[in-house]
Amino acid sequence: MDANEILDYCLTKKAVTESFPFDNETLVLKVDTKMFLLMALEKQPLSINVKTDPEWSAELREQHPQITGAYHMNKIHWNSVIVDGLKRDLIFALIDQSYELVFKYLTKKAQQLINNS
């Protein structure tokens, strides 16, 4: 799986925007104004940061050496994921959960606007 596949998948979700707020190499994907995925485009192997339920995070980190607490982020809620060696379905499930966790903390007004778009 490559960066374009991940980006294309993320852009199928409602109200997703992309930007480079930190540097020219770290792509940030947001739902409304909140980030749900960061991707280091120049780093090899490809790595993404996603928000994950803390209980699932612990399980994932035990099962997959490619999944660790996210650098420079709250390690309870954010994971760094080296994409190589992981199943496509797992990567998509991680992206889905990250989007959903962030979406649920948007204001009710923002959620309604997104759902009605």
N, C-alpha and C. Protein backbone atom coordinates (compact mmCIF):
# COMPACT_ATOMS: atom_id res chain seq x y z
N MET A 1 0.85 -1.18 0.00
CA MET A 1 0.00 0.00 0.00
C MET A 1 0.90 1.24 0.00
N ASP A 2 0.52 2.22 -0.82
CA ASP A 2 1.34 3.42 -0.89
C ASP A 2 0.56 4.65 -0.42
N ALA A 3 1.25 5.79 -0.40
CA ALA A 3 0.67 7.04 0.11
C ALA A 3 -0.55 7.46 -0.71
N ASN A 4 -0.52 7.25 -2.02
CA ASN A 4 -1.66 7.64 -2.86
C ASN A 4 -2.91 6.83 -2.54
N GLU A 5 -2.74 5.54 -2.28
CA GLU A 5 -3.88 4.70 -1.93
C GLU A 5 -4.50 5.16 -0.60
N ILE A 6 -3.66 5.49 0.35
CA ILE A 6 -4.15 5.95 1.65
C ILE A 6 -4.86 7.29 1.48
N LEU A 7 -4.24 8.21 0.76
CA LEU A 7 -4.86 9.51 0.53
C LEU A 7 -6.20 9.37 -0.20
N ASP A 8 -6.24 8.57 -1.24
CA ASP A 8 -7.49 8.37 -1.99
C ASP A 8 -8.58 7.82 -1.08
N TYR A 9 -8.22 6.87 -0.21
CA TYR A 9 -9.20 6.29 0.70
C TYR A 9 -9.72 7.36 1.67
N CYS A 10 -8.83 8.14 2.22
CA CYS A 10 -9.23 9.19 3.16
C CYS A 10 -10.14 10.22 2.51
N LEU A 11 -9.86 10.56 1.27
CA LEU A 11 -10.64 11.58 0.58
C LEU A 11 -12.04 11.12 0.18
N THR A 12 -12.33 9.83 0.35
CA THR A 12 -13.70 9.35 0.11
C THR A 12 -14.61 9.68 1.29
N LYS A 13 -14.04 10.06 2.40
CA LYS A 13 -14.82 10.39 3.59
C LYS A 13 -15.29 11.84 3.52
N LYS A 14 -16.38 12.13 4.18
CA LYS A 14 -16.98 13.46 4.13
C LYS A 14 -16.13 14.50 4.84
N ALA A 15 -16.06 15.69 4.24
CA ALA A 15 -15.44 16.89 4.83
C ALA A 15 -13.96 16.74 5.15
N VAL A 16 -13.26 15.92 4.38
CA VAL A 16 -11.82 15.73 4.60
C VAL A 16 -11.04 16.75 3.78
N THR A 17 -10.09 17.38 4.44
CA THR A 17 -9.19 18.31 3.76
C THR A 17 -7.75 17.87 4.02
N GLU A 18 -6.88 18.30 3.13
CA GLU A 18 -5.45 17.97 3.28
C GLU A 18 -4.64 19.26 3.33
N SER A 19 -3.56 19.22 4.13
CA SER A 19 -2.69 20.38 4.24
C SER A 19 -1.31 19.95 4.74
N PHE A 20 -0.39 20.91 4.73
CA PHE A 20 0.97 20.71 5.22
C PHE A 20 1.28 21.79 6.26
N PRO A 21 0.64 21.76 7.43
CA PRO A 21 0.83 22.83 8.41
C PRO A 21 2.17 22.81 9.13
N PHE A 22 2.84 21.67 9.16
CA PHE A 22 4.07 21.55 9.95
C PHE A 22 5.33 21.71 9.11
N ASP A 23 5.33 21.09 7.94
CA ASP A 23 6.49 21.13 7.04
C ASP A 23 6.02 20.67 5.66
N ASN A 24 6.94 20.54 4.73
CA ASN A 24 6.58 20.15 3.36
C ASN A 24 6.52 18.65 3.16
N GLU A 25 6.76 17.89 4.22
CA GLU A 25 6.81 16.44 4.09
C GLU A 25 5.69 15.72 4.83
N THR A 26 5.06 16.37 5.79
CA THR A 26 4.05 15.72 6.61
C THR A 26 2.66 16.17 6.18
N LEU A 27 1.96 15.28 5.49
CA LEU A 27 0.60 15.55 5.04
C LEU A 27 -0.35 15.33 6.21
N VAL A 28 -1.20 16.32 6.46
CA VAL A 28 -2.19 16.23 7.54
C VAL A 28 -3.58 16.19 6.91
N LEU A 29 -4.35 15.20 7.32
CA LEU A 29 -5.74 15.08 6.86
C LEU A 29 -6.65 15.39 8.03
N LYS A 30 -7.63 16.24 7.76
CA LYS A 30 -8.55 16.68 8.80
C LYS A 30 -9.98 16.40 8.38
N VAL A 31 -10.82 16.19 9.40
CA VAL A 31 -12.26 16.22 9.20
C VAL A 31 -12.69 17.50 9.88
N ASP A 32 -13.33 18.38 9.12
CA ASP A 32 -13.64 19.73 9.55
C ASP A 32 -12.31 20.39 9.92
N THR A 33 -12.08 20.73 11.17
CA THR A 33 -10.83 21.40 11.56
C THR A 33 -9.92 20.51 12.40
N LYS A 34 -10.26 19.25 12.57
CA LYS A 34 -9.52 18.35 13.48
C LYS A 34 -8.78 17.28 12.69
N MET A 35 -7.49 17.10 13.01
CA MET A 35 -6.72 16.09 12.29
C MET A 35 -7.06 14.68 12.75
N PHE A 36 -7.09 13.79 11.76
CA PHE A 36 -7.32 12.38 12.06
C PHE A 36 -6.23 11.48 11.48
N LEU A 37 -5.36 12.03 10.62
CA LEU A 37 -4.27 11.24 10.06
C LEU A 37 -3.12 12.15 9.65
N LEU A 38 -1.92 11.70 9.97
CA LEU A 38 -0.71 12.37 9.51
C LEU A 38 0.10 11.34 8.74
N MET A 39 0.71 11.77 7.64
CA MET A 39 1.48 10.84 6.83
C MET A 39 2.80 11.49 6.43
N ALA A 40 3.88 10.81 6.79
CA ALA A 40 5.22 11.28 6.45
C ALA A 40 5.53 10.83 5.03
N LEU A 41 5.38 11.72 4.06
CA LEU A 41 5.49 11.35 2.65
C LEU A 41 6.90 10.96 2.23
N GLU A 42 7.90 11.57 2.82
CA GLU A 42 9.28 11.30 2.41
C GLU A 42 9.93 10.16 3.18
N LYS A 43 9.31 9.74 4.25
CA LYS A 43 9.89 8.71 5.11
C LYS A 43 9.63 7.32 4.52
N GLN A 44 10.66 6.52 4.53
CA GLN A 44 10.53 5.14 4.08
C GLN A 44 11.01 4.22 5.20
N PRO A 45 10.28 3.18 5.55
CA PRO A 45 9.01 2.78 4.97
C PRO A 45 7.90 3.77 5.33
N LEU A 46 6.82 3.77 4.53
CA LEU A 46 5.70 4.68 4.72
C LEU A 46 5.10 4.51 6.11
N SER A 47 4.85 5.64 6.75
CA SER A 47 4.31 5.64 8.11
C SER A 47 3.16 6.63 8.21
N ILE A 48 2.13 6.25 8.97
CA ILE A 48 1.01 7.14 9.24
C ILE A 48 0.78 7.20 10.75
N ASN A 49 0.20 8.31 11.20
CA ASN A 49 -0.25 8.43 12.58
C ASN A 49 -1.77 8.50 12.56
N VAL A 50 -2.40 7.69 13.40
CA VAL A 50 -3.86 7.66 13.48
C VAL A 50 -4.30 7.63 14.93
N LYS A 51 -5.47 8.18 15.18
CA LYS A 51 -6.07 8.14 16.50
C LYS A 51 -6.75 6.79 16.66
N THR A 52 -6.56 6.16 17.83
CA THR A 52 -7.09 4.82 18.05
C THR A 52 -7.64 4.71 19.46
N ASP A 53 -8.69 3.95 19.62
CA ASP A 53 -9.23 3.67 20.94
C ASP A 53 -8.11 3.08 21.81
N PRO A 54 -7.92 3.59 23.04
CA PRO A 54 -6.81 3.13 23.88
C PRO A 54 -6.76 1.62 24.11
N GLU A 55 -7.91 0.97 24.27
CA GLU A 55 -7.91 -0.48 24.48
C GLU A 55 -7.43 -1.21 23.23
N TRP A 56 -7.90 -0.77 22.08
CA TRP A 56 -7.47 -1.40 20.83
C TRP A 56 -5.99 -1.10 20.59
N SER A 57 -5.54 0.09 20.97
CA SER A 57 -4.12 0.45 20.81
C SER A 57 -3.22 -0.55 21.51
N ALA A 58 -3.56 -0.87 22.75
CA ALA A 58 -2.73 -1.81 23.52
C ALA A 58 -2.68 -3.17 22.82
N GLU A 59 -3.82 -3.61 22.34
CA GLU A 59 -3.89 -4.90 21.64
C GLU A 59 -3.06 -4.86 20.35
N LEU A 60 -3.23 -3.79 19.57
CA LEU A 60 -2.50 -3.65 18.31
C LEU A 60 -0.99 -3.64 18.54
N ARG A 61 -0.56 -2.91 19.55
CA ARG A 61 0.88 -2.81 19.82
C ARG A 61 1.48 -4.14 20.24
N GLU A 62 0.68 -4.97 20.91
CA GLU A 62 1.16 -6.31 21.29
C GLU A 62 1.26 -7.23 20.08
N GLN A 63 0.32 -7.08 19.15
CA GLN A 63 0.24 -7.99 18.01
C GLN A 63 1.11 -7.60 16.82
N HIS A 64 1.40 -6.31 16.68
CA HIS A 64 2.08 -5.83 15.47
C HIS A 64 3.27 -4.93 15.85
N PRO A 65 4.48 -5.36 15.56
CA PRO A 65 5.64 -4.51 15.87
C PRO A 65 5.66 -3.21 15.05
N GLN A 66 4.89 -3.15 13.96
CA GLN A 66 4.83 -1.95 13.13
C GLN A 66 3.98 -0.84 13.76
N ILE A 67 3.28 -1.15 14.85
CA ILE A 67 2.38 -0.18 15.49
C ILE A 67 2.93 0.18 16.86
N THR A 68 3.21 1.48 17.03
CA THR A 68 3.78 1.99 18.29
C THR A 68 3.10 3.30 18.66
N GLY A 69 3.38 3.77 19.87
CA GLY A 69 2.87 5.08 20.28
C GLY A 69 3.42 6.15 19.34
N ALA A 70 2.57 7.09 18.96
CA ALA A 70 2.95 8.10 17.97
C ALA A 70 3.93 9.12 18.54
N TYR A 71 4.98 9.36 17.79
CA TYR A 71 6.01 10.33 18.14
C TYR A 71 5.41 11.73 18.21
N HIS A 72 5.72 12.46 19.25
CA HIS A 72 5.25 13.84 19.46
C HIS A 72 3.74 13.97 19.63
N MET A 73 3.07 12.87 19.98
CA MET A 73 1.62 12.93 20.16
C MET A 73 1.26 12.15 21.42
N ASN A 74 0.02 12.29 21.86
CA ASN A 74 -0.46 11.56 23.02
C ASN A 74 -0.46 10.07 22.70
N LYS A 75 0.44 9.33 23.30
CA LYS A 75 0.64 7.92 22.97
C LYS A 75 -0.50 7.03 23.45
N ILE A 76 -1.36 7.55 24.29
CA ILE A 76 -2.53 6.78 24.72
C ILE A 76 -3.55 6.72 23.58
N HIS A 77 -3.66 7.81 22.85
CA HIS A 77 -4.70 7.92 21.82
C HIS A 77 -4.19 7.86 20.38
N TRP A 78 -2.90 8.02 20.17
CA TRP A 78 -2.37 8.08 18.81
C TRP A 78 -1.30 7.00 18.60
N ASN A 79 -1.36 6.37 17.44
CA ASN A 79 -0.39 5.35 17.06
C ASN A 79 0.34 5.74 15.78
N SER A 80 1.61 5.40 15.74
CA SER A 80 2.38 5.43 14.50
C SER A 80 2.29 4.04 13.90
N VAL A 81 2.00 3.99 12.60
CA VAL A 81 1.81 2.72 11.92
C VAL A 81 2.73 2.67 10.71
N ILE A 82 3.66 1.73 10.72
CA ILE A 82 4.47 1.48 9.53
C ILE A 82 3.63 0.55 8.66
N VAL A 83 3.30 1.02 7.49
CA VAL A 83 2.32 0.35 6.63
C VAL A 83 2.83 -0.99 6.12
N ASP A 84 4.13 -1.09 5.81
CA ASP A 84 4.68 -2.33 5.25
C ASP A 84 4.41 -3.52 6.16
N GLY A 85 3.90 -4.58 5.55
CA GLY A 85 3.67 -5.82 6.29
C GLY A 85 2.31 -5.93 6.95
N LEU A 86 1.52 -4.86 6.90
CA LEU A 86 0.18 -4.92 7.49
C LEU A 86 -0.86 -5.12 6.39
N LYS A 87 -1.93 -5.81 6.75
CA LYS A 87 -3.00 -6.05 5.78
C LYS A 87 -3.75 -4.76 5.47
N ARG A 88 -4.14 -4.63 4.23
CA ARG A 88 -4.88 -3.47 3.74
C ARG A 88 -6.13 -3.22 4.59
N ASP A 89 -6.85 -4.30 4.94
CA ASP A 89 -8.08 -4.16 5.73
C ASP A 89 -7.79 -3.55 7.10
N LEU A 90 -6.67 -3.92 7.71
CA LEU A 90 -6.31 -3.36 9.02
C LEU A 90 -6.00 -1.87 8.88
N ILE A 91 -5.27 -1.50 7.86
CA ILE A 91 -4.93 -0.08 7.64
C ILE A 91 -6.21 0.73 7.43
N PHE A 92 -7.12 0.21 6.62
CA PHE A 92 -8.38 0.91 6.40
C PHE A 92 -9.20 0.99 7.69
N ALA A 93 -9.19 -0.07 8.49
CA ALA A 93 -9.92 -0.06 9.77
C ALA A 93 -9.33 0.98 10.72
N LEU A 94 -8.02 1.12 10.73
CA LEU A 94 -7.36 2.13 11.56
C LEU A 94 -7.76 3.54 11.10
N ILE A 95 -7.78 3.75 9.80
CA ILE A 95 -8.17 5.06 9.25
C ILE A 95 -9.63 5.34 9.59
N ASP A 96 -10.48 4.33 9.42
CA ASP A 96 -11.91 4.51 9.72
C ASP A 96 -12.12 4.89 11.18
N GLN A 97 -11.45 4.17 12.07
CA GLN A 97 -11.64 4.47 13.48
C GLN A 97 -11.12 5.86 13.83
N SER A 98 -9.99 6.23 13.28
CA SER A 98 -9.44 7.55 13.55
C SER A 98 -10.41 8.64 13.11
N TYR A 99 -10.95 8.50 11.91
CA TYR A 99 -11.93 9.47 11.40
C TYR A 99 -13.14 9.54 12.33
N GLU A 100 -13.66 8.38 12.70
CA GLU A 100 -14.86 8.33 13.54
C GLU A 100 -14.62 8.91 14.93
N LEU A 101 -13.46 8.61 15.53
CA LEU A 101 -13.15 9.16 16.85
C LEU A 101 -13.06 10.68 16.82
N VAL A 102 -12.46 11.21 15.79
CA VAL A 102 -12.33 12.66 15.67
C VAL A 102 -13.69 13.28 15.35
N PHE A 103 -14.44 12.66 14.44
CA PHE A 103 -15.75 13.17 14.05
C PHE A 103 -16.68 13.29 15.26
N LYS A 104 -16.64 12.31 16.14
CA LYS A 104 -17.57 12.30 17.26
C LYS A 104 -17.31 13.43 18.26
N TYR A 105 -16.12 14.03 18.21
CA TYR A 105 -15.82 15.15 19.11
C TYR A 105 -15.99 16.52 18.45
N LEU A 106 -16.46 16.53 17.20
CA LEU A 106 -16.82 17.80 16.57
C LEU A 106 -18.10 18.31 17.22
N THR A 107 -18.36 19.58 17.07
CA THR A 107 -19.61 20.12 17.60
C THR A 107 -20.79 19.46 16.88
N LYS A 108 -21.92 19.43 17.54
CA LYS A 108 -23.13 18.86 16.93
C LYS A 108 -23.47 19.59 15.63
N LYS A 109 -23.26 20.91 15.63
CA LYS A 109 -23.54 21.70 14.43
C LYS A 109 -22.64 21.26 13.28
N ALA A 110 -21.34 21.10 13.56
CA ALA A 110 -20.40 20.66 12.53
C ALA A 110 -20.75 19.26 12.03
N GLN A 111 -21.11 18.38 12.94
CA GLN A 111 -21.51 17.02 12.55
C GLN A 111 -22.72 17.06 11.63
N GLN A 112 -23.71 17.88 11.97
CA GLN A 112 -24.91 17.96 11.14
C GLN A 112 -24.60 18.51 9.76
N LEU A 113 -23.76 19.54 9.71
CA LEU A 113 -23.39 20.12 8.41
C LEU A 113 -22.69 19.08 7.55
N ILE A 114 -21.80 18.31 8.14
CA ILE A 114 -21.07 17.29 7.40
C ILE A 114 -22.01 16.19 6.95
N ASN A 115 -22.86 15.72 7.85
CA ASN A 115 -23.80 14.64 7.50
C ASN A 115 -24.80 15.04 6.43
N ASN A 116 -25.12 16.33 6.38
CA ASN A 116 -26.10 16.81 5.40
C ASN A 116 -25.46 17.25 4.09
N SER A 117 -24.15 17.17 4.01
CA SER A 117 -23.48 17.62 2.76
C SER A 117 -23.47 16.53 1.71
